[in-house]
Amino acid sequence: MRRVNPRQMKKVMQQMGIKPVEINATEVVIKCVDKEIVISNPQVTRLEIAKQTVFQIMGEVQEREIQEKGEREIPLADIQLVAQQAGVTEEEARQALIEAEGNLAKAILLVKK
């Protein structure tokens, strides 16, 4: 395989209208439907090509599962507030908060219906 001279590559990119910009990042997270792809210690370059932006990312890749909406931690203070305001049990308030994705006002309205 033939080696590429970095200066020649830069010159060719300029002739093609490609503008590389280095981005100082500490972590890159790509959120998928069922997981997150986390790239640690990344080298990120943004390229402007024909009025489009392309990102080139190199680094240490890890994948992690995404918790479902209902699995995330709901603060006890939020549960107690919804229960008190709506006049329901703490369990009903907790379920409403899960359904409302943590939105207090929406949870109160849900349990009052």
C-alpha atoms as a PDB file:
ATOM      1  CA  MET A   1       0.000   0.000   0.000  1.00  0.00           C
ATOM      2  CA  ARG A   2       1.307   3.415  -0.961  1.00  0.00           C
ATOM      3  CA  ARG A   3       1.881   6.024   1.753  1.00  0.00           C
ATOM      4  CA  VAL A   4       0.093   9.344   1.476  1.00  0.00           C
ATOM      5  CA  ASN A   5       1.995  12.556   2.085  1.00  0.00           C
ATOM      6  CA  PRO A   6      -0.062  14.668   4.552  1.00  0.00           C
ATOM      7  CA  ARG A   7       0.852  17.922   2.775  1.00  0.00           C
ATOM      8  CA  GLN A   8      -0.257  16.548  -0.584  1.00  0.00           C
ATOM      9  CA  MET A   9      -3.478  15.258   0.977  1.00  0.00           C
ATOM     10  CA  LYS A  10      -4.195  18.684   2.483  1.00  0.00           C
ATOM     11  CA  LYS A  11      -3.549  20.363  -0.879  1.00  0.00           C
ATOM     12  CA  VAL A  12      -5.854  17.919  -2.724  1.00  0.00           C
ATOM     13  CA  MET A  13      -8.585  18.446  -0.105  1.00  0.00           C
ATOM     14  CA  GLN A  14      -8.324  22.221  -0.510  1.00  0.00           C
ATOM     15  CA  GLN A  15      -8.582  21.887  -4.285  1.00  0.00           C
ATOM     16  CA  MET A  16     -11.733  19.793  -3.836  1.00  0.00           C
ATOM     17  CA  GLY A  17     -13.255  22.383  -1.498  1.00  0.00           C
ATOM     18  CA  ILE A  18     -13.031  20.175   1.576  1.00  0.00           C
ATOM     19  CA  LYS A  19     -12.399  22.093   4.796  1.00  0.00           C
ATOM     20  CA  PRO A  20     -11.266  19.914   7.721  1.00  0.00           C
ATOM     21  CA  VAL A  21     -11.753  21.299  11.242  1.00  0.00           C
ATOM     22  CA  GLU A  22     -10.413  19.490  14.325  1.00  0.00           C
ATOM     23  CA  ILE A  23     -12.883  19.390  17.234  1.00  0.00           C
ATOM     24  CA  ASN A  24     -11.573  19.141  20.793  1.00  0.00           C
ATOM     25  CA  ALA A  25     -13.936  16.530  22.300  1.00  0.00           C
ATOM     26  CA  THR A  26     -13.633  14.371  25.408  1.00  0.00           C
ATOM     27  CA  GLU A  27     -16.400  11.878  24.553  1.00  0.00           C
ATOM     28  CA  VAL A  28     -18.804  11.183  21.687  1.00  0.00           C
ATOM     29  CA  VAL A  29     -22.165   9.470  22.344  1.00  0.00           C
ATOM     30  CA  ILE A  30     -24.301   8.038  19.537  1.00  0.00           C
ATOM     31  CA  LYS A  31     -27.819   7.285  20.785  1.00  0.00           C
ATOM     32  CA  CYS A  32     -29.526   4.353  19.089  1.00  0.00           C
ATOM     33  CA  VAL A  33     -32.991   2.952  19.781  1.00  0.00           C
ATOM     34  CA  ASP A  34     -31.750   0.152  22.034  1.00  0.00           C
ATOM     35  CA  LYS A  35     -28.184   1.179  22.984  1.00  0.00           C
ATOM     36  CA  GLU A  36     -25.643   3.969  23.144  1.00  0.00           C
ATOM     37  CA  ILE A  37     -22.289   3.857  21.415  1.00  0.00           C
ATOM     38  CA  VAL A  38     -19.725   5.748  23.493  1.00  0.00           C
ATOM     39  CA  ILE A  39     -16.400   6.772  21.982  1.00  0.00           C
ATOM     40  CA  SER A  40     -13.806   7.750  24.600  1.00  0.00           C
ATOM     41  CA  ASN A  41     -10.670   9.791  23.910  1.00  0.00           C
ATOM     42  CA  PRO A  42     -11.949  10.657  20.427  1.00  0.00           C
ATOM     43  CA  GLN A  43     -10.169  12.351  17.578  1.00  0.00           C
ATOM     44  CA  VAL A  44     -12.989  14.244  15.863  1.00  0.00           C
ATOM     45  CA  THR A  45     -12.687  15.990  12.517  1.00  0.00           C
ATOM     46  CA  ARG A  46     -15.512  17.921  10.874  1.00  0.00           C
ATOM     47  CA  LEU A  47     -15.361  18.076   7.089  1.00  0.00           C
ATOM     48  CA  GLU A  48     -17.365  20.557   5.008  1.00  0.00           C
ATOM     49  CA  ILE A  49     -17.950  18.859   1.651  1.00  0.00           C
ATOM     50  CA  ALA A  50     -20.249  20.381  -0.982  1.00  0.00           C
ATOM     51  CA  LYS A  51     -22.442  22.200   1.593  1.00  0.00           C
ATOM     52  CA  GLN A  52     -22.711  19.031   3.710  1.00  0.00           C
ATOM     53  CA  THR A  53     -21.064  18.290   7.048  1.00  0.00           C
ATOM     54  CA  VAL A  54     -19.323  14.975   7.662  1.00  0.00           C
ATOM     55  CA  PHE A  55     -17.814  13.940  11.000  1.00  0.00           C
ATOM     56  CA  GLN A  56     -14.883  11.537  11.196  1.00  0.00           C
ATOM     57  CA  ILE A  57     -14.502   9.976  14.662  1.00  0.00           C
ATOM     58  CA  MET A  58     -11.721   7.686  15.884  1.00  0.00           C
ATOM     59  CA  GLY A  59     -11.293   6.419  19.445  1.00  0.00           C
ATOM     60  CA  GLU A  60     -12.041   3.719  22.012  1.00  0.00           C
ATOM     61  CA  VAL A  61     -15.549   2.306  21.387  1.00  0.00           C
ATOM     62  CA  GLN A  62     -17.907   0.928  24.036  1.00  0.00           C
ATOM     63  CA  GLU A  63     -21.577   0.007  23.821  1.00  0.00           C
ATOM     64  CA  ARG A  64     -24.064   0.281  26.659  1.00  0.00           C
ATOM     65  CA  GLU A  65     -27.715  -0.651  27.015  1.00  0.00           C
ATOM     66  CA  ILE A  66     -30.328   2.075  27.368  1.00  0.00           C
ATOM     67  CA  GLN A  67     -32.631   1.812  30.351  1.00  0.00           C
ATOM     68  CA  GLU A  68     -36.294   1.759  29.515  1.00  0.00           C
ATOM     69  CA  LYS A  69     -38.390   4.768  30.534  1.00  0.00           C
ATOM     70  CA  GLY A  70     -39.937   3.007  33.517  1.00  0.00           C
ATOM     71  CA  GLU A  71     -36.594   1.839  34.892  1.00  0.00           C
ATOM     72  CA  ARG A  72     -35.084   5.210  35.595  1.00  0.00           C
ATOM     73  CA  GLU A  73     -34.940   6.481  39.159  1.00  0.00           C
ATOM     74  CA  ILE A  74     -37.774   8.756  40.264  1.00  0.00           C
ATOM     75  CA  PRO A  75     -37.018  10.935  43.312  1.00  0.00           C
ATOM     76  CA  LEU A  76     -39.123  10.181  46.392  1.00  0.00           C
ATOM     77  CA  ALA A  77     -39.831  13.913  46.813  1.00  0.00           C
ATOM     78  CA  ASP A  78     -41.471  13.980  43.348  1.00  0.00           C
ATOM     79  CA  ILE A  79     -43.592  10.920  44.177  1.00  0.00           C
ATOM     80  CA  GLN A  80     -44.725  12.452  47.480  1.00  0.00           C
ATOM     81  CA  LEU A  81     -45.525  15.795  45.846  1.00  0.00           C
ATOM     82  CA  VAL A  82     -47.679  14.206  43.126  1.00  0.00           C
ATOM     83  CA  ALA A  83     -49.423  11.971  45.699  1.00  0.00           C
ATOM     84  CA  GLN A  84     -50.176  14.945  47.937  1.00  0.00           C
ATOM     85  CA  GLN A  85     -51.324  17.287  45.148  1.00  0.00           C
ATOM     86  CA  ALA A  86     -53.504  14.672  43.426  1.00  0.00           C
ATOM     87  CA  GLY A  87     -54.758  12.953  46.569  1.00  0.00           C
ATOM     88  CA  VAL A  88     -53.562   9.475  45.508  1.00  0.00           C
ATOM     89  CA  THR A  89     -51.251   6.796  46.908  1.00  0.00           C
ATOM     90  CA  GLU A  90     -47.503   6.984  46.395  1.00  0.00           C
ATOM     91  CA  GLU A  91     -47.630   3.929  44.108  1.00  0.00           C
ATOM     92  CA  GLU A  92     -50.244   5.610  41.874  1.00  0.00           C
ATOM     93  CA  ALA A  93     -48.128   8.765  41.859  1.00  0.00           C
ATOM     94  CA  ARG A  94     -45.018   6.764  40.917  1.00  0.00           C
ATOM     95  CA  GLN A  95     -46.808   5.082  38.005  1.00  0.00           C
ATOM     96  CA  ALA A  96     -48.090   8.468  36.808  1.00  0.00           C
ATOM     97  CA  LEU A  97     -44.557   9.908  36.933  1.00  0.00           C
ATOM     98  CA  ILE A  98     -43.235   6.968  34.906  1.00  0.00           C
ATOM     99  CA  GLU A  99     -45.958   7.489  32.315  1.00  0.00           C
ATOM    100  CA  ALA A 100     -45.342  11.253  32.280  1.00  0.00           C
ATOM    101  CA  GLU A 101     -41.564  10.686  31.950  1.00  0.00           C
ATOM    102  CA  GLY A 102     -40.883  12.611  35.170  1.00  0.00           C
ATOM    103  CA  ASN A 103     -43.023  15.654  34.302  1.00  0.00           C
ATOM    104  CA  LEU A 104     -44.697  16.604  37.619  1.00  0.00           C
ATOM    105  CA  ALA A 105     -47.579  18.660  36.203  1.00  0.00           C
ATOM    106  CA  LYS A 106     -48.408  16.040  33.590  1.00  0.00           C
ATOM    107  CA  ALA A 107     -48.328  13.282  36.245  1.00  0.00           C
ATOM    108  CA  ILE A 108     -50.747  15.200  38.488  1.00  0.00           C
ATOM    109  CA  LEU A 109     -53.135  15.720  35.581  1.00  0.00           C
ATOM    110  CA  LEU A 110     -52.920  12.017  34.646  1.00  0.00           C
ATOM    111  CA  VAL A 111     -53.939  10.769  38.103  1.00  0.00           C
ATOM    112  CA  LYS A 112     -56.680  13.372  38.535  1.00  0.00           C
ATOM    113  CA  LYS A 113     -58.487  12.103  35.423  1.00  0.00           C
END
